[in-house]
N, C-alpha and C. Protein backbone atom coordinates (compact mmCIF):
# COMPACT_ATOMS: atom_id res chain seq x y z
N UNK A 1 -12.32 21.44 -3.31
CA UNK A 1 -12.61 19.94 -3.81
C UNK A 1 -13.03 18.87 -3.29
N UNK A 2 -13.65 17.49 -3.80
CA UNK A 2 -14.83 17.27 -3.21
C UNK A 2 -13.82 15.74 -2.89
N UNK A 3 -13.42 14.95 -1.82
CA UNK A 3 -12.92 13.54 -2.19
C UNK A 3 -13.64 12.05 -1.80
N UNK A 4 -13.37 11.89 -2.60
CA UNK A 4 -14.30 10.63 -1.68
C UNK A 4 -13.18 9.48 -1.57
N UNK A 5 -13.11 8.42 -0.16
CA UNK A 5 -12.15 7.55 0.23
C UNK A 5 -12.97 7.13 0.47
N UNK A 6 -12.23 5.41 -1.13
CA UNK A 6 -12.59 3.41 -0.66
C UNK A 6 -11.60 3.06 0.38
N UNK A 7 -12.56 2.26 0.83
CA UNK A 7 -11.41 2.14 2.47
C UNK A 7 -12.23 0.82 2.69
N UNK A 8 -10.83 -0.38 2.83
CA UNK A 8 -10.90 -1.52 2.58
C UNK A 8 -12.27 -1.80 3.93
N UNK A 9 -12.97 -3.38 3.93
CA UNK A 9 -13.47 -3.76 5.44
C UNK A 9 -14.15 -2.92 5.59
N UNK A 10 -14.47 -1.47 4.45
CA UNK A 10 -15.43 -0.91 5.08
C UNK A 10 -16.73 -0.55 4.43
N UNK A 11 -18.17 -1.09 4.41
CA UNK A 11 -19.56 -0.85 4.21
C UNK A 11 -19.76 0.83 3.68
N UNK A 12 -18.66 1.70 3.95
CA UNK A 12 -19.32 3.30 3.36
C UNK A 12 -17.63 3.82 2.98
N UNK A 13 -17.73 4.56 2.47
CA UNK A 13 -16.97 5.32 1.57
C UNK A 13 -17.06 6.91 2.34
N UNK A 14 -15.47 7.17 2.54
CA UNK A 14 -15.81 8.89 3.32
C UNK A 14 -15.68 9.48 2.45
N UNK A 15 -16.61 10.83 2.73
CA UNK A 15 -16.31 12.17 1.90
C UNK A 15 -16.30 13.20 2.42
N UNK A 16 -15.15 13.56 1.85
CA UNK A 16 -15.18 15.32 2.51
C UNK A 16 -14.68 15.98 1.30
N UNK A 17 -14.69 17.58 2.32
CA UNK A 17 -14.63 19.05 0.73
C UNK A 17 -13.45 18.91 1.42
N UNK A 18 -12.04 18.81 -0.09
CA UNK A 18 -11.21 19.39 1.31
C UNK A 18 -10.61 21.39 0.76
N UNK A 19 -10.31 22.07 0.66
CA UNK A 19 -9.53 23.14 0.31
C UNK A 19 -8.10 22.86 0.03
N UNK A 20 -7.45 21.84 -0.42
CA UNK A 20 -6.12 21.46 -1.38
C UNK A 20 -6.09 21.46 -2.47
N UNK A 21 -5.78 22.42 -3.48
CA UNK A 21 -6.01 21.56 -4.55
C UNK A 21 -5.91 19.99 -5.15
N UNK A 22 -6.46 19.53 -6.75
CA UNK A 22 -6.87 17.39 -6.88
C UNK A 22 -4.85 17.50 -7.19
N UNK A 23 -4.29 19.07 -7.37
CA UNK A 23 -2.57 17.93 -7.26
C UNK A 23 -1.97 18.28 -6.32
N UNK A 24 -2.66 18.71 -5.37
CA UNK A 24 -2.50 18.34 -3.49
C UNK A 24 -2.91 17.25 -3.27
N UNK A 25 -2.91 16.95 -3.13
CA UNK A 25 -4.54 15.84 -2.58
C UNK A 25 -3.67 14.63 -3.76
N UNK A 26 -4.15 14.41 -5.32
CA UNK A 26 -3.03 13.54 -5.71
C UNK A 26 -1.90 13.46 -5.39
N UNK A 27 -0.80 13.64 -4.77
CA UNK A 27 0.51 14.17 -3.96
C UNK A 27 0.81 13.22 -2.79
N UNK A 28 -0.40 14.08 -1.94
CA UNK A 28 -0.41 13.12 -0.63
C UNK A 28 -1.08 11.49 -0.75
N UNK A 29 -1.88 11.65 -1.81
CA UNK A 29 -2.20 9.64 -1.62
C UNK A 29 -1.24 9.05 -2.59
N UNK A 30 -0.38 9.51 -3.55
CA UNK A 30 0.78 8.23 -3.97
C UNK A 30 2.12 8.94 -2.66
N UNK A 31 1.74 9.88 -2.36
CA UNK A 31 3.31 9.62 -0.84
C UNK A 31 2.12 8.62 -0.41
N UNK A 32 1.48 8.00 0.28
CA UNK A 32 0.55 7.10 1.26
C UNK A 32 0.61 5.74 0.16
N UNK A 33 0.52 5.89 -0.57
CA UNK A 33 0.26 4.67 -1.61
C UNK A 33 1.53 4.24 -1.96
N UNK A 34 3.23 5.10 -1.52
CA UNK A 34 4.15 4.53 -2.12
C UNK A 34 4.69 4.00 -0.90
N UNK A 35 4.60 4.25 0.02
CA UNK A 35 5.13 3.36 1.39
C UNK A 35 6.22 5.24 1.95
N UNK A 36 6.17 5.81 1.14
CA UNK A 36 6.19 7.78 2.47
C UNK A 36 5.71 7.36 4.20
N UNK A 37 4.85 7.26 3.58
CA UNK A 37 3.57 7.59 4.94
C UNK A 37 3.12 6.62 4.94
N UNK A 38 3.31 6.13 6.56
CA UNK A 38 1.32 5.37 6.56
C UNK A 38 0.40 5.39 6.84
N UNK A 39 -0.13 7.16 6.25
CA UNK A 39 -1.57 7.34 6.77
C UNK A 39 -1.51 7.84 5.73
N UNK A 40 -2.99 8.30 5.19
CA UNK A 40 -3.24 9.02 4.34
C UNK A 40 -3.74 10.30 5.03
N UNK A 41 -3.28 11.15 5.25
CA UNK A 41 -3.81 12.30 5.94
C UNK A 41 -4.14 14.09 4.93
N UNK A 42 -5.69 13.76 5.04
CA UNK A 42 -5.72 15.47 4.43
C UNK A 42 -7.31 15.75 5.54
N UNK A 43 -7.07 17.16 4.96
CA UNK A 43 -7.74 18.43 5.78
C UNK A 43 -8.74 18.79 4.85
N UNK A 44 -10.16 18.49 6.00
CA UNK A 44 -11.27 19.61 5.12
C UNK A 44 -11.31 20.28 5.62
N UNK A 45 -13.00 21.22 4.71
CA UNK A 45 -12.82 22.75 4.59
C UNK A 45 -12.85 23.24 6.11
N UNK A 46 -13.18 23.05 7.09
CA UNK A 46 -13.24 22.90 8.15
C UNK A 46 -12.23 22.73 9.07
N UNK A 47 -11.07 22.82 8.35
CA UNK A 47 -9.42 22.01 9.83
C UNK A 47 -10.03 21.05 10.07
N UNK A 48 -10.95 20.13 10.17
CA UNK A 48 -10.77 18.52 10.71
C UNK A 48 -9.36 17.67 9.85
N UNK A 49 -9.00 17.52 10.22
CA UNK A 49 -7.45 16.21 9.93
C UNK A 49 -8.38 14.56 10.39
N UNK A 50 -8.33 14.47 8.68
CA UNK A 50 -8.76 13.00 8.58
C UNK A 50 -7.29 12.24 7.56
N UNK A 51 -7.72 11.11 9.20
CA UNK A 51 -6.16 9.75 8.46
C UNK A 51 -6.83 8.47 8.33
N UNK A 52 -6.83 7.64 8.04
CA UNK A 52 -6.65 6.66 6.62
C UNK A 52 -5.76 6.53 6.55
N UNK A 53 -6.01 4.74 7.30
CA UNK A 53 -4.42 3.81 6.71
C UNK A 53 -3.49 3.67 5.33
N UNK A 54 -2.53 3.68 5.25
CA UNK A 54 -2.37 3.62 3.52
C UNK A 54 -2.75 2.35 3.27
N UNK A 55 -2.67 0.97 4.30
CA UNK A 55 -2.44 -0.11 3.79
C UNK A 55 -4.17 -0.43 3.09
N UNK A 56 -4.70 0.62 3.95
CA UNK A 56 -6.42 -0.30 3.60
C UNK A 56 -7.58 0.43 2.63
N UNK A 57 -6.64 1.94 1.81
CA UNK A 57 -7.29 2.50 0.47
C UNK A 57 -7.42 1.34 -0.20
N UNK A 58 -8.77 1.58 -1.09
CA UNK A 58 -9.20 0.90 -1.98
C UNK A 58 -9.20 1.59 -3.50
N UNK A 59 -9.58 3.09 -2.98
CA UNK A 59 -9.61 3.99 -4.29
C UNK A 59 -9.89 5.56 -3.00
N UNK A 60 -9.56 6.18 -4.31
CA UNK A 60 -9.56 7.25 -4.13
C UNK A 60 -10.48 8.23 -5.68
N UNK A 61 -11.33 9.07 -5.69
CA UNK A 61 -11.99 9.78 -6.16
C UNK A 61 -12.25 11.11 -5.84
N UNK A 62 -11.33 12.65 -7.15
CA UNK A 62 -10.89 13.70 -6.48
C UNK A 62 -11.77 14.17 -7.70
N UNK A 63 -12.11 14.97 -6.82
CA UNK A 63 -13.79 15.63 -8.38
C UNK A 63 -13.65 17.68 -7.79
N UNK A 64 -14.44 18.02 -9.06
CA UNK A 64 -15.14 19.10 -8.26
C UNK A 64 -16.16 19.03 -7.17
N UNK A 65 -16.57 19.82 -6.02
CA UNK A 65 -17.97 19.73 -5.66
C UNK A 65 -18.78 20.04 -6.76
N UNK A 66 -19.57 19.77 -6.90
CA UNK A 66 -21.40 20.07 -7.65
C UNK A 66 -21.94 19.96 -6.40
N UNK A 67 -22.82 21.43 -7.08
CA UNK A 67 -23.77 22.26 -5.72
C UNK A 67 -25.16 20.86 -5.90
N UNK A 68 -25.76 21.41 -4.39
CA UNK A 68 -26.88 20.00 -4.38
C UNK A 68 -28.57 21.07 -4.71
N UNK A 69 -29.17 19.66 -5.40
CA UNK A 69 -30.20 19.98 -5.67
C UNK A 69 -31.04 19.81 -4.56
N UNK A 70 -31.55 21.21 -5.00
CA UNK A 70 -32.91 21.03 -3.02
C UNK A 70 -34.32 21.50 -4.24
N UNK A 71 -35.39 20.46 -3.32
CA UNK A 71 -36.66 20.81 -3.84
C UNK A 71 -36.76 19.90 -5.41
N UNK A 72 -38.12 19.90 -5.94
CA UNK A 72 -38.48 19.48 -7.09
C UNK A 72 -38.25 20.06 -8.07
N UNK A 73 -37.22 19.42 -9.52
CA UNK A 73 -37.56 20.38 -10.05
C UNK A 73 -37.37 19.25 -11.49
N UNK A 74 -37.82 20.60 -13.01
CA UNK A 74 -37.65 19.82 -14.41
C UNK A 74 -36.24 19.87 -14.38
N UNK A 75 -36.57 17.70 -14.58
CA UNK A 75 -34.51 17.65 -14.81
C UNK A 75 -35.09 18.36 -16.67
């Protein structure tokens, strides 16, 4: 699952591949935005943990991973 996170006052978004389902990611984001936790905590597919302060979240985009296109080809 590909997750893109926009952080306030940061010029770039955070992009990570997570082994969690879309429902799990949505639940964790909703809990952070509701104030149940002060940090949004996600784990990527390499086991690294990402922590973002909940009050700095601008947006979270959840979607399926798209295969990367390499080389030149006809569209």
